[in-house]
Amino acid sequence: YHAKRHLRGRTVIFSSELEAEIRSRGVIENLLRTSD
């Protein structure tokens, strides 16, 4: 998903930075579900 959004046509290996993105994405998704 990260490769297609930011590095199309390239190879991306999962890293601690992407793990932080996932956590942030999870927070956004959870807050979005309960948002007004």
Full PDB file with SEQRES, HELIX, SHEET, SSBOND, CRYST1, ORIGX, SCALE, CONECT and MASTER records, all heavy atoms in Angstrom:
SEQRES   1 A   36  TYR HIS ALA LYS ARG HIS LEU ARG GLY ARG THR VAL ILE          
SEQRES   2 A   36  PHE SER SER GLU LEU GLU ALA GLU ILE ARG SER ARG GLY          
SEQRES   3 A   36  VAL ILE GLU ASN LEU LEU ARG THR SER ASP                      
HELIX    1 AA1 HIS A    2  HIS A    6  1                                   5    
HELIX    2 AA2 SER A   16  THR A   34  1                                  19    
CRYST1    1.000    1.000    1.000  90.00  90.00  90.00 P 1           1          
ORIGX1      1.000000  0.000000  0.000000        0.00000                         
ORIGX2      0.000000  1.000000  0.000000        0.00000                         
ORIGX3      0.000000  0.000000  1.000000        0.00000                         
SCALE1      1.000000  0.000000  0.000000        0.00000                         
SCALE2      0.000000  1.000000  0.000000        0.00000                         
SCALE3      0.000000  0.000000  1.000000        0.00000                         
ATOM      1  N   TYR A   1       0.838  -1.202   0.000  1.00  0.00           N  
ATOM      2  CA  TYR A   1       0.000   0.000   0.000  1.00  0.00           C  
ATOM      3  C   TYR A   1       0.878   1.259   0.000  1.00  0.00           C  
ATOM      4  O   TYR A   1       0.616   2.217  -0.750  1.00  0.00           O  
ATOM      5  CB  TYR A   1      -0.909  -0.027   1.226  1.00  0.00           C  
ATOM      6  CG  TYR A   1      -1.663   1.251   1.503  1.00  0.00           C  
ATOM      7  CD1 TYR A   1      -2.809   1.577   0.786  1.00  0.00           C  
ATOM      8  CD2 TYR A   1      -1.227   2.133   2.492  1.00  0.00           C  
ATOM      9  CE1 TYR A   1      -3.501   2.754   1.043  1.00  0.00           C  
ATOM     10  CE2 TYR A   1      -1.912   3.304   2.759  1.00  0.00           C  
ATOM     11  CZ  TYR A   1      -3.051   3.616   2.032  1.00  0.00           C  
ATOM     12  OH  TYR A   1      -3.733   4.773   2.289  1.00  0.00           O  
ATOM     13  N   HIS A   2       1.917   1.249   0.820  1.00  0.00           N  
ATOM     14  CA  HIS A   2       2.826   2.392   0.882  1.00  0.00           C  
ATOM     15  C   HIS A   2       3.556   2.568  -0.451  1.00  0.00           C  
ATOM     16  O   HIS A   2       3.732   3.707  -0.929  1.00  0.00           O  
ATOM     17  CB  HIS A   2       3.830   2.188   2.016  1.00  0.00           C  
ATOM     18  CG  HIS A   2       4.762   3.342   2.204  1.00  0.00           C  
ATOM     19  ND1 HIS A   2       4.437   4.451   2.944  1.00  0.00           N  
ATOM     20  CD2 HIS A   2       6.021   3.564   1.719  1.00  0.00           C  
ATOM     21  CE1 HIS A   2       5.445   5.305   2.928  1.00  0.00           C  
ATOM     22  NE2 HIS A   2       6.425   4.785   2.197  1.00  0.00           N  
ATOM     23  N   ALA A   3       3.972   1.461  -1.057  1.00  0.00           N  
ATOM     24  CA  ALA A   3       4.678   1.538  -2.336  1.00  0.00           C  
ATOM     25  C   ALA A   3       3.775   2.129  -3.421  1.00  0.00           C  
ATOM     26  O   ALA A   3       4.207   2.975  -4.210  1.00  0.00           O  
ATOM     27  CB  ALA A   3       5.166   0.153  -2.754  1.00  0.00           C  
ATOM     28  N   LYS A   4       2.531   1.706  -3.457  1.00  0.00           N  
ATOM     29  CA  LYS A   4       1.626   2.181  -4.495  1.00  0.00           C  
ATOM     30  C   LYS A   4       1.281   3.659  -4.306  1.00  0.00           C  
ATOM     31  O   LYS A   4       1.044   4.373  -5.279  1.00  0.00           O  
ATOM     32  CB  LYS A   4       0.348   1.337  -4.513  1.00  0.00           C  
ATOM     33  CG  LYS A   4       0.567  -0.091  -5.003  1.00  0.00           C  
ATOM     34  CD  LYS A   4      -0.712  -0.850  -5.156  1.00  0.00           C  
ATOM     35  CE  LYS A   4      -1.512  -0.363  -6.335  1.00  0.00           C  
ATOM     36  NZ  LYS A   4      -0.872  -0.603  -7.637  1.00  0.00           N  
ATOM     37  N   ARG A   5       1.269   4.120  -3.071  1.00  0.00           N  
ATOM     38  CA  ARG A   5       0.929   5.521  -2.823  1.00  0.00           C  
ATOM     39  C   ARG A   5       2.126   6.453  -3.021  1.00  0.00           C  
ATOM     40  O   ARG A   5       1.972   7.562  -3.522  1.00  0.00           O  
ATOM     41  CB  ARG A   5       0.396   5.683  -1.399  1.00  0.00           C  
ATOM     42  CG  ARG A   5      -1.012   5.186  -1.193  1.00  0.00           C  
ATOM     43  CD  ARG A   5      -1.563   5.685   0.125  1.00  0.00           C  
ATOM     44  NE  ARG A   5      -1.703   7.141   0.139  1.00  0.00           N  
ATOM     45  CZ  ARG A   5      -1.950   7.849   1.247  1.00  0.00           C  
ATOM     46  NH1 ARG A   5      -2.047   7.238   2.413  1.00  0.00           N  
ATOM     47  NH2 ARG A   5      -2.083   9.152   1.189  1.00  0.00           N  
ATOM     48  N   HIS A   6       3.309   6.008  -2.621  1.00  0.00           N  
ATOM     49  CA  HIS A   6       4.452   6.912  -2.589  1.00  0.00           C  
ATOM     50  C   HIS A   6       5.616   6.483  -3.475  1.00  0.00           C  
ATOM     51  O   HIS A   6       6.421   7.334  -3.869  1.00  0.00           O  
ATOM     52  CB  HIS A   6       4.956   7.052  -1.144  1.00  0.00           C  
ATOM     53  CG  HIS A   6       3.897   7.483  -0.183  1.00  0.00           C  
ATOM     54  ND1 HIS A   6       3.347   8.738  -0.188  1.00  0.00           N  
ATOM     55  CD2 HIS A   6       3.262   6.802   0.821  1.00  0.00           C  
ATOM     56  CE1 HIS A   6       2.429   8.843   0.776  1.00  0.00           C  
ATOM     57  NE2 HIS A   6       2.364   7.675   1.403  1.00  0.00           N  
ATOM     58  N   LEU A   7       5.756   5.199  -3.760  1.00  0.00           N  
ATOM     59  CA  LEU A   7       6.907   4.697  -4.518  1.00  0.00           C  
ATOM     60  C   LEU A   7       6.440   3.719  -5.581  1.00  0.00           C  
ATOM     61  O   LEU A   7       6.912   2.574  -5.657  1.00  0.00           O  
ATOM     62  CB  LEU A   7       7.920   4.029  -3.572  1.00  0.00           C  
ATOM     63  CG  LEU A   7       8.565   4.936  -2.525  1.00  0.00           C  
ATOM     64  CD1 LEU A   7       9.282   4.097  -1.475  1.00  0.00           C  
ATOM     65  CD2 LEU A   7       9.536   5.905  -3.185  1.00  0.00           C  
ATOM     66  N   ARG A   8       5.501   4.164  -6.400  1.00  0.00           N  
ATOM     67  CA  ARG A   8       4.909   3.270  -7.406  1.00  0.00           C  
ATOM     68  C   ARG A   8       6.001   2.676  -8.303  1.00  0.00           C  
ATOM     69  O   ARG A   8       6.888   3.375  -8.787  1.00  0.00           O  
ATOM     70  CB  ARG A   8       3.899   4.054  -8.247  1.00  0.00           C  
ATOM     71  CG  ARG A   8       3.147   3.192  -9.255  1.00  0.00           C  
ATOM     72  CD  ARG A   8       2.103   4.024  -9.970  1.00  0.00           C  
ATOM     73  NE  ARG A   8       1.030   4.400  -9.054  1.00  0.00           N  
ATOM     74  CZ  ARG A   8      -0.049   3.667  -8.835  1.00  0.00           C  
ATOM     75  NH1 ARG A   8      -0.178   2.506  -9.450  1.00  0.00           N  
ATOM     76  NH2 ARG A   8      -0.985   4.080  -8.014  1.00  0.00           N  
ATOM     77  N   GLY A   9       5.887   1.365  -8.494  1.00  0.00           N  
ATOM     78  CA  GLY A   9       6.862   0.662  -9.317  1.00  0.00           C  
ATOM     79  C   GLY A   9       8.128   0.277  -8.579  1.00  0.00           C  
ATOM     80  O   GLY A   9       9.074  -0.216  -9.196  1.00  0.00           O  
ATOM     81  N   ARG A  10       8.131   0.455  -7.262  1.00  0.00           N  
ATOM     82  CA  ARG A  10       9.327   0.151  -6.463  1.00  0.00           C  
ATOM     83  C   ARG A  10       9.024  -0.953  -5.452  1.00  0.00           C  
ATOM     84  O   ARG A  10       7.886  -1.396  -5.298  1.00  0.00           O  
ATOM     85  CB  ARG A  10       9.781   1.411  -5.723  1.00  0.00           C  
ATOM     86  CG  ARG A  10      10.068   2.606  -6.626  1.00  0.00           C  
ATOM     87  CD  ARG A  10      11.461   2.594  -7.182  1.00  0.00           C  
ATOM     88  NE  ARG A  10      12.445   2.764  -6.116  1.00  0.00           N  
ATOM     89  CZ  ARG A  10      12.774   3.944  -5.593  1.00  0.00           C  
ATOM     90  NH1 ARG A  10      12.192   5.055  -6.031  1.00  0.00           N  
ATOM     91  NH2 ARG A  10      13.690   4.027  -4.648  1.00  0.00           N  
ATOM     92  N   THR A  11      10.071  -1.374  -4.740  1.00  0.00           N  
ATOM     93  CA  THR A  11       9.952  -2.392  -3.699  1.00  0.00           C  
ATOM     94  C   THR A  11      10.098  -1.739  -2.335  1.00  0.00           C  
ATOM     95  O   THR A  11      11.020  -0.946  -2.120  1.00  0.00           O  
ATOM     96  CB  THR A  11      11.040  -3.468  -3.872  1.00  0.00           C  
ATOM     97  OG1 THR A  11      10.850  -4.128  -5.128  1.00  0.00           O  
ATOM     98  CG2 THR A  11      10.949  -4.510  -2.761  1.00  0.00           C  
ATOM     99  N   VAL A  12       9.188  -2.065  -1.414  1.00  0.00           N  
ATOM    100  CA  VAL A  12       9.215  -1.507  -0.063  1.00  0.00           C  
ATOM    101  C   VAL A  12       9.225  -2.654   0.940  1.00  0.00           C  
ATOM    102  O   VAL A  12       8.419  -3.585   0.834  1.00  0.00           O  
ATOM    103  CB  VAL A  12       8.002  -0.590   0.197  1.00  0.00           C  
ATOM    104  CG1 VAL A  12       7.953  -0.161   1.658  1.00  0.00           C  
ATOM    105  CG2 VAL A  12       8.055   0.633  -0.709  1.00  0.00           C  
ATOM    106  N   ILE A  13      10.135  -2.597   1.904  1.00  0.00           N  
ATOM    107  CA  ILE A  13      10.205  -3.583   2.985  1.00  0.00           C  
ATOM    108  C   ILE A  13       9.641  -2.952   4.247  1.00  0.00           C  
ATOM    109  O   ILE A  13       9.971  -1.810   4.585  1.00  0.00           O  
ATOM    110  CB  ILE A  13      11.652  -4.055   3.217  1.00  0.00           C  
ATOM    111  CG1 ILE A  13      12.204  -4.701   1.937  1.00  0.00           C  
ATOM    112  CG2 ILE A  13      11.712  -5.052   4.373  1.00  0.00           C  
ATOM    113  CD1 ILE A  13      13.659  -5.114   2.042  1.00  0.00           C  
ATOM    114  N   PHE A  14       8.796  -3.699   4.931  1.00  0.00           N  
ATOM    115  CA  PHE A  14       8.146  -3.170   6.131  1.00  0.00           C  
ATOM    116  C   PHE A  14       9.203  -2.765   7.160  1.00  0.00           C  
ATOM    117  O   PHE A  14      10.163  -3.485   7.409  1.00  0.00           O  
ATOM    118  CB  PHE A  14       7.222  -4.223   6.730  1.00  0.00           C  
ATOM    119  CG  PHE A  14       6.305  -3.687   7.793  1.00  0.00           C  
ATOM    120  CD1 PHE A  14       5.166  -2.991   7.456  1.00  0.00           C  
ATOM    121  CD2 PHE A  14       6.599  -3.875   9.135  1.00  0.00           C  
ATOM    122  CE1 PHE A  14       4.322  -2.485   8.429  1.00  0.00           C  
ATOM    123  CE2 PHE A  14       5.768  -3.385  10.120  1.00  0.00           C  
ATOM    124  CZ  PHE A  14       4.624  -2.681   9.759  1.00  0.00           C  
ATOM    125  N   SER A  15       8.997  -1.574   7.756  1.00  0.00           N  
ATOM    126  CA  SER A  15       9.988  -1.017   8.675  1.00  0.00           C  
ATOM    127  C   SER A  15       9.292  -0.435   9.894  1.00  0.00           C  
ATOM    128  O   SER A  15       8.061  -0.400   9.981  1.00  0.00           O  
ATOM    129  CB  SER A  15      10.786   0.076   7.958  1.00  0.00           C  
ATOM    130  OG  SER A  15       9.914   1.133   7.559  1.00  0.00           O  
ATOM    131  N   SER A  16      10.100   0.055  10.830  1.00  0.00           N  
ATOM    132  CA  SER A  16       9.542   0.666  12.033  1.00  0.00           C  
ATOM    133  C   SER A  16       8.757   1.928  11.685  1.00  0.00           C  
ATOM    134  O   SER A  16       7.767   2.261  12.342  1.00  0.00           O  
ATOM    135  CB  SER A  16      10.665   0.996  13.019  1.00  0.00           C  
ATOM    136  OG  SER A  16      11.639   1.837  12.410  1.00  0.00           O  
ATOM    137  N   GLU A  17       9.196   2.636  10.633  1.00  0.00           N  
ATOM    138  CA  GLU A  17       8.459   3.830  10.210  1.00  0.00           C  
ATOM    139  C   GLU A  17       7.067   3.460   9.714  1.00  0.00           C  
ATOM    140  O   GLU A  17       6.076   4.140  10.028  1.00  0.00           O  
ATOM    141  CB  GLU A  17       9.223   4.568   9.106  1.00  0.00           C  
ATOM    142  CG  GLU A  17      10.500   5.247   9.566  1.00  0.00           C  
ATOM    143  CD  GLU A  17      11.658   4.275   9.685  1.00  0.00           C  
ATOM    144  OE1 GLU A  17      11.494   3.086   9.321  1.00  0.00           O  
ATOM    145  OE2 GLU A  17      12.732   4.697  10.170  1.00  0.00           O  
ATOM    146  N   LEU A  18       6.981   2.391   8.942  1.00  0.00           N  
ATOM    147  CA  LEU A  18       5.669   1.954   8.458  1.00  0.00           C  
ATOM    148  C   LEU A  18       4.813   1.433   9.612  1.00  0.00           C  
ATOM    149  O   LEU A  18       3.592   1.601   9.610  1.00  0.00           O  
ATOM    150  CB  LEU A  18       5.830   0.865   7.394  1.00  0.00           C  
ATOM    151  CG  LEU A  18       6.490   1.300   6.087  1.00  0.00           C  
ATOM    152  CD1 LEU A  18       6.459   0.153   5.083  1.00  0.00           C  
ATOM    153  CD2 LEU A  18       5.806   2.519   5.506  1.00  0.00           C  
ATOM    154  N   GLU A  19       5.461   0.806  10.590  1.00  0.00           N  
ATOM    155  CA  GLU A  19       4.714   0.355  11.762  1.00  0.00           C  
ATOM    156  C   GLU A  19       4.100   1.546  12.502  1.00  0.00           C  
ATOM    157  O   GLU A  19       2.952   1.490  12.951  1.00  0.00           O  
ATOM    158  CB  GLU A  19       5.639  -0.427  12.691  1.00  0.00           C  
ATOM    159  CG  GLU A  19       4.919  -1.052  13.875  1.00  0.00           C  
ATOM    160  CD  GLU A  19       5.838  -1.901  14.726  1.00  0.00           C  
ATOM    161  OE1 GLU A  19       7.049  -1.932  14.442  1.00  0.00           O  
ATOM    162  OE2 GLU A  19       5.343  -2.530  15.678  1.00  0.00           O  
ATOM    163  N   ALA A  20       4.858   2.639  12.586  1.00  0.00           N  
ATOM    164  CA  ALA A  20       4.321   3.849  13.216  1.00  0.00           C  
ATOM    165  C   ALA A  20       3.167   4.414  12.401  1.00  0.00           C  
ATOM    166  O   ALA A  20       2.165   4.892  12.950  1.00  0.00           O  
ATOM    167  CB  ALA A  20       5.437   4.885  13.357  1.00  0.00           C  
ATOM    168  N   GLU A  21       3.289   4.324  11.078  1.00  0.00           N  
ATOM    169  CA  GLU A  21       2.194   4.775  10.214  1.00  0.00           C  
ATOM    170  C   GLU A  21       0.933   3.960  10.459  1.00  0.00           C  
ATOM    171  O   GLU A  21      -0.178   4.501  10.499  1.00  0.00           O  
ATOM    172  CB  GLU A  21       2.603   4.665   8.744  1.00  0.00           C  
ATOM    173  CG  GLU A  21       3.432   5.811   8.239  1.00  0.00           C  
ATOM    174  CD  GLU A  21       3.639   5.721   6.741  1.00  0.00           C  
ATOM    175  OE1 GLU A  21       2.835   5.051   6.061  1.00  0.00           O  
ATOM    176  OE2 GLU A  21       4.605   6.317   6.243  1.00  0.00           O  
ATOM    177  N   ILE A  22       1.108   2.651  10.601  1.00  0.00           N  
ATOM    178  CA  ILE A  22      -0.051   1.787  10.841  1.00  0.00           C  
ATOM    179  C   ILE A  22      -0.726   2.166  12.145  1.00  0.00           C  
ATOM    180  O   ILE A  22      -1.962   2.244  12.225  1.00  0.00           O  
ATOM    181  CB  ILE A  22       0.379   0.311  10.859  1.00  0.00           C  
ATOM    182  CG1 ILE A  22       0.718  -0.161   9.452  1.00  0.00           C  
ATOM    183  CG2 ILE A  22      -0.724  -0.566  11.457  1.00  0.00           C  
ATOM    184  CD1 ILE A  22       1.118  -1.605   9.367  1.00  0.00           C  
ATOM    185  N   ARG A  23       0.084   2.392  13.174  1.00  0.00           N  
ATOM    186  CA  ARG A  23      -0.515   2.782  14.456  1.00  0.00           C  
ATOM    187  C   ARG A  23      -1.268   4.098  14.320  1.00  0.00           C  
ATOM    188  O   ARG A  23      -2.379   4.266  14.836  1.00  0.00           O  
ATOM    189  CB  ARG A  23       0.564   2.884  15.531  1.00  0.00           C  
ATOM    190  CG  ARG A  23       1.086   1.534  15.994  1.00  0.00           C  
ATOM    191  CD  ARG A  23       1.798   1.673  17.327  1.00  0.00           C  
ATOM    192  NE  ARG A  23       2.995   2.499  17.214  1.00  0.00           N  
ATOM    193  CZ  ARG A  23       4.208   2.011  16.964  1.00  0.00           C  
ATOM    194  NH1 ARG A  23       4.379   0.711  16.808  1.00  0.00           N  
ATOM    195  NH2 ARG A  23       5.251   2.828  16.881  1.00  0.00           N  
ATOM    196  N   SER A  24      -0.645   5.045  13.603  1.00  0.00           N  
ATOM    197  CA  SER A  24      -1.304   6.332  13.384  1.00  0.00           C  
ATOM    198  C   SER A  24      -2.567   6.151  12.563  1.00  0.00           C  
ATOM    199  O   SER A  24      -3.611   6.753  12.844  1.00  0.00           O  
ATOM    200  CB  SER A  24      -0.339   7.279  12.661  1.00  0.00           C  
ATOM    201  OG  SER A  24      -0.978   8.471  12.317  1.00  0.00           O  
ATOM    202  N   ARG A  25      -2.486   5.316  11.535  1.00  0.00           N  
ATOM    203  CA  ARG A  25      -3.656   5.057  10.697  1.00  0.00           C  
ATOM    204  C   ARG A  25      -4.768   4.421  11.512  1.00  0.00           C  
ATOM    205  O   ARG A  25      -5.947   4.764  11.357  1.00  0.00           O  
ATOM    206  CB  ARG A  25      -3.268   4.141   9.525  1.00  0.00           C  
ATOM    207  CG  ARG A  25      -4.388   3.922   8.533  1.00  0.00           C  
ATOM    208  CD  ARG A  25      -3.925   3.140   7.336  1.00  0.00           C  
ATOM    209  NE  ARG A  25      -3.762   1.731   7.630  1.00  0.00           N  
ATOM    210  CZ  ARG A  25      -3.684   0.778   6.694  1.00  0.00           C  
ATOM    211  NH1 ARG A  25      -3.724   1.101   5.418  1.00  0.00           N  
ATOM    212  NH2 ARG A  25      -3.548  -0.478   7.031  1.00  0.00           N  
ATOM    213  N   GLY A  26      -4.387   3.523  12.418  1.00  0.00           N  
ATOM    214  CA  GLY A  26      -5.390   2.880  13.264  1.00  0.00           C  
ATOM    215  C   GLY A  26      -6.075   3.878  14.172  1.00  0.00           C  
ATOM    216  O   GLY A  26      -7.297   3.823  14.394  1.00  0.00           O  
ATOM    217  N   VAL A  27      -5.287   4.821  14.693  1.00  0.00           N  
ATOM    218  CA  VAL A  27      -5.872   5.857  15.553  1.00  0.00           C  
ATOM    219  C   VAL A  27      -6.856   6.703  14.750  1.00  0.00           C  
ATOM    220  O   VAL A  27      -7.971   6.998  15.203  1.00  0.00           O  
ATOM    221  CB  VAL A  27      -4.754   6.731  16.161  1.00  0.00           C  
ATOM    222  CG1 VAL A  27      -5.356   7.949  16.856  1.00  0.00           C  
ATOM    223  CG2 VAL A  27      -3.918   5.913  17.129  1.00  0.00           C  
ATOM    224  N   ILE A  28      -6.448   7.096  13.537  1.00  0.00           N  
ATOM    225  CA  ILE A  28      -7.319   7.910  12.688  1.00  0.00           C  
ATOM    226  C   ILE A  28      -8.605   7.160  12.355  1.00  0.00           C  
ATOM    227  O   ILE A  28      -9.711   7.724  12.416  1.00  0.00           O  
ATOM    228  CB  ILE A  28      -6.573   8.326  11.403  1.00  0.00           C  
ATOM    229  CG1 ILE A  28      -5.458   9.308  11.744  1.00  0.00           C  
ATOM    230  CG2 ILE A  28      -7.526   8.922  10.383  1.00  0.00           C  
ATOM    231  CD1 ILE A  28      -4.573   9.668  10.564  1.00  0.00           C  
ATOM    232  N   GLU A  29      -8.480   5.880  12.003  1.00  0.00           N  
ATOM    233  CA  GLU A  29      -9.664   5.100  11.649  1.00  0.00           C  
ATOM    234  C   GLU A  29     -10.615   4.980  12.833  1.00  0.00           C  
ATOM    235  O   GLU A  29     -11.833   5.126  12.684  1.00  0.00           O  
ATOM    236  CB  GLU A  29      -9.238   3.715  11.148  1.00  0.00           C  
ATOM    237  CG  GLU A  29      -8.549   3.746   9.796  1.00  0.00           C  
ATOM    238  CD  GLU A  29      -8.043   2.376   9.375  1.00  0.00           C  
ATOM    239  OE1 GLU A  29      -8.179   1.425  10.189  1.00  0.00           O  
ATOM    240  OE2 GLU A  29      -7.521   2.250   8.253  1.00  0.00           O  
ATOM    241  N   ASN A  30     -10.066   4.718  14.009  1.00  0.00           N  
ATOM    242  CA  ASN A  30     -10.926   4.569  15.194  1.00  0.00           C  
ATOM    243  C   ASN A  30     -11.622   5.881  15.538  1.00  0.00           C  
ATOM    244  O   ASN A  30     -12.823   5.896  15.862  1.00  0.00           O  
ATOM    245  CB  ASN A  30     -10.095   4.087  16.386  1.00  0.00           C  
ATOM    246  CG  ASN A  30      -9.644   2.648  16.232  1.00  0.00           C  
ATOM    247  OD1 ASN A  30     -10.302   1.858  15.556  1.00  0.00           O  
ATOM    248  ND2 ASN A  30      -8.525   2.299  16.830  1.00  0.00           N  
ATOM    249  N   LEU A  31     -10.893   6.990  15.459  1.00  0.00           N  
ATOM    250  CA  LEU A  31     -11.509   8.285  15.762  1.00  0.00           C  
ATOM    251  C   LEU A  31     -12.524   8.674  14.688  1.00  0.00           C  
ATOM    252  O   LEU A  31     -13.551   9.299  14.986  1.00  0.00           O  
ATOM    253  CB  LEU A  31     -10.434   9.359  15.877  1.00  0.00           C  
ATOM    254  CG  LEU A  31      -9.509   9.247  17.103  1.00  0.00           C  
ATOM    255  CD1 LEU A  31      -8.424  10.311  17.049  1.00  0.00           C  
ATOM    256  CD2 LEU A  31     -10.315   9.373  18.390  1.00  0.00           C  
ATOM    257  N   LEU A  32     -12.237   8.292  13.454  1.00  0.00           N  
ATOM    258  CA  LEU A  32     -13.162   8.611  12.366  1.00  0.00           C  
ATOM    259  C   LEU A  32     -14.485   7.872  12.538  1.00  0.00           C  
ATOM    260  O   LEU A  32     -15.556   8.410  12.220  1.00  0.00           O  
ATOM    261  CB  LEU A  32     -12.514   8.250  11.025  1.00  0.00           C  
ATOM    262  CG  LEU A  32     -13.107   8.863   9.753  1.00  0.00           C  
ATOM    263  CD1 LEU A  32     -13.073  10.383   9.838  1.00  0.00           C  
ATOM    264  CD2 LEU A  32     -12.331   8.380   8.536  1.00  0.00           C  
ATOM    265  N   ARG A  33     -14.404   6.657  13.069  1.00  0.00           N  
ATOM    266  CA  ARG A  33     -15.630   5.873  13.280  1.00  0.00           C  
ATOM    267  C   ARG A  33     -16.557   6.543  14.296  1.00  0.00           C  
ATOM    268  O   ARG A  33     -17.779   6.399  14.208  1.00  0.00           O  
ATOM    269  CB  ARG A  33     -15.276   4.464  13.755  1.00  0.00           C  
ATOM    270  CG  ARG A  33     -14.687   3.565  12.684  1.00  0.00           C  
ATOM    271  CD  ARG A  33     -14.575   2.132  13.191  1.00  0.00           C  
ATOM    272  NE  ARG A  33     -14.035   1.241  12.173  1.00  0.00           N  
ATOM    273  CZ  ARG A  33     -12.745   0.923  12.068  1.00  0.00           C  
ATOM    274  NH1 ARG A  33     -11.869   1.430  12.937  1.00  0.00           N  
ATOM    275  NH2 ARG A  33     -12.327   0.110  11.118  1.00  0.00           N  
ATOM    276  N   THR A  34     -15.973   7.220  15.247  1.00  0.00           N  
ATOM    277  CA  THR A  34     -16.784   7.820  16.317  1.00  0.00           C  
ATOM    278  C   THR A  34     -16.955   9.324  16.145  1.00  0.00           C  
ATOM    279  O   THR A  34     -17.507   9.979  17.024  1.00  0.00           O  
ATOM    280  CB  THR A  34     -16.133   7.532  17.680  1.00  0.00           C  
ATOM    281  OG1 THR A  34     -14.806   8.083  17.695  1.00  0.00           O  
ATOM    282  CG2 THR A  34     -16.052   6.035  17.946  1.00  0.00           C  
ATOM    283  N   SER A  35     -16.462   9.865  15.034  1.00  0.00           N  
ATOM    284  CA  SER A  35     -16.508  11.314  14.859  1.00  0.00           C  
ATOM    285  C   SER A  35     -17.917  11.780  14.517  1.00  0.00           C  
ATOM    286  O   SER A  35     -18.724  11.052  13.938  1.00  0.00           O  
ATOM    287  CB  SER A  35     -15.538  11.751  13.761  1.00  0.00           C  
ATOM    288  OG  SER A  35     -15.983  11.281  12.500  1.00  0.00           O  
ATOM    289  N   ASP A  36     -18.205  13.016  14.868  1.00  0.00           N  
ATOM    290  CA  ASP A  36     -19.457  13.686  14.523  1.00  0.00           C  
ATOM    291  C   ASP A  36     -19.190  14.518  13.274  1.00  0.00           C  
ATOM    292  O   ASP A  36     -18.566  15.579  13.335  1.00  0.00           O  
ATOM    293  CB  ASP A  36     -19.901  14.573  15.686  1.00  0.00           C  
ATOM    294  CG  ASP A  36     -21.217  15.278  15.415  1.00  0.00           C  
ATOM    295  OD1 ASP A  36     -21.706  15.203  14.266  1.00  0.00           O  
ATOM    296  OD2 ASP A  36     -21.743  15.919  16.341  1.00  0.00           O  
TER     297      ASP A  36                                                      
MASTER        0    0    0    2    0    0    0    6  296    1    0    3          
END                                                                             
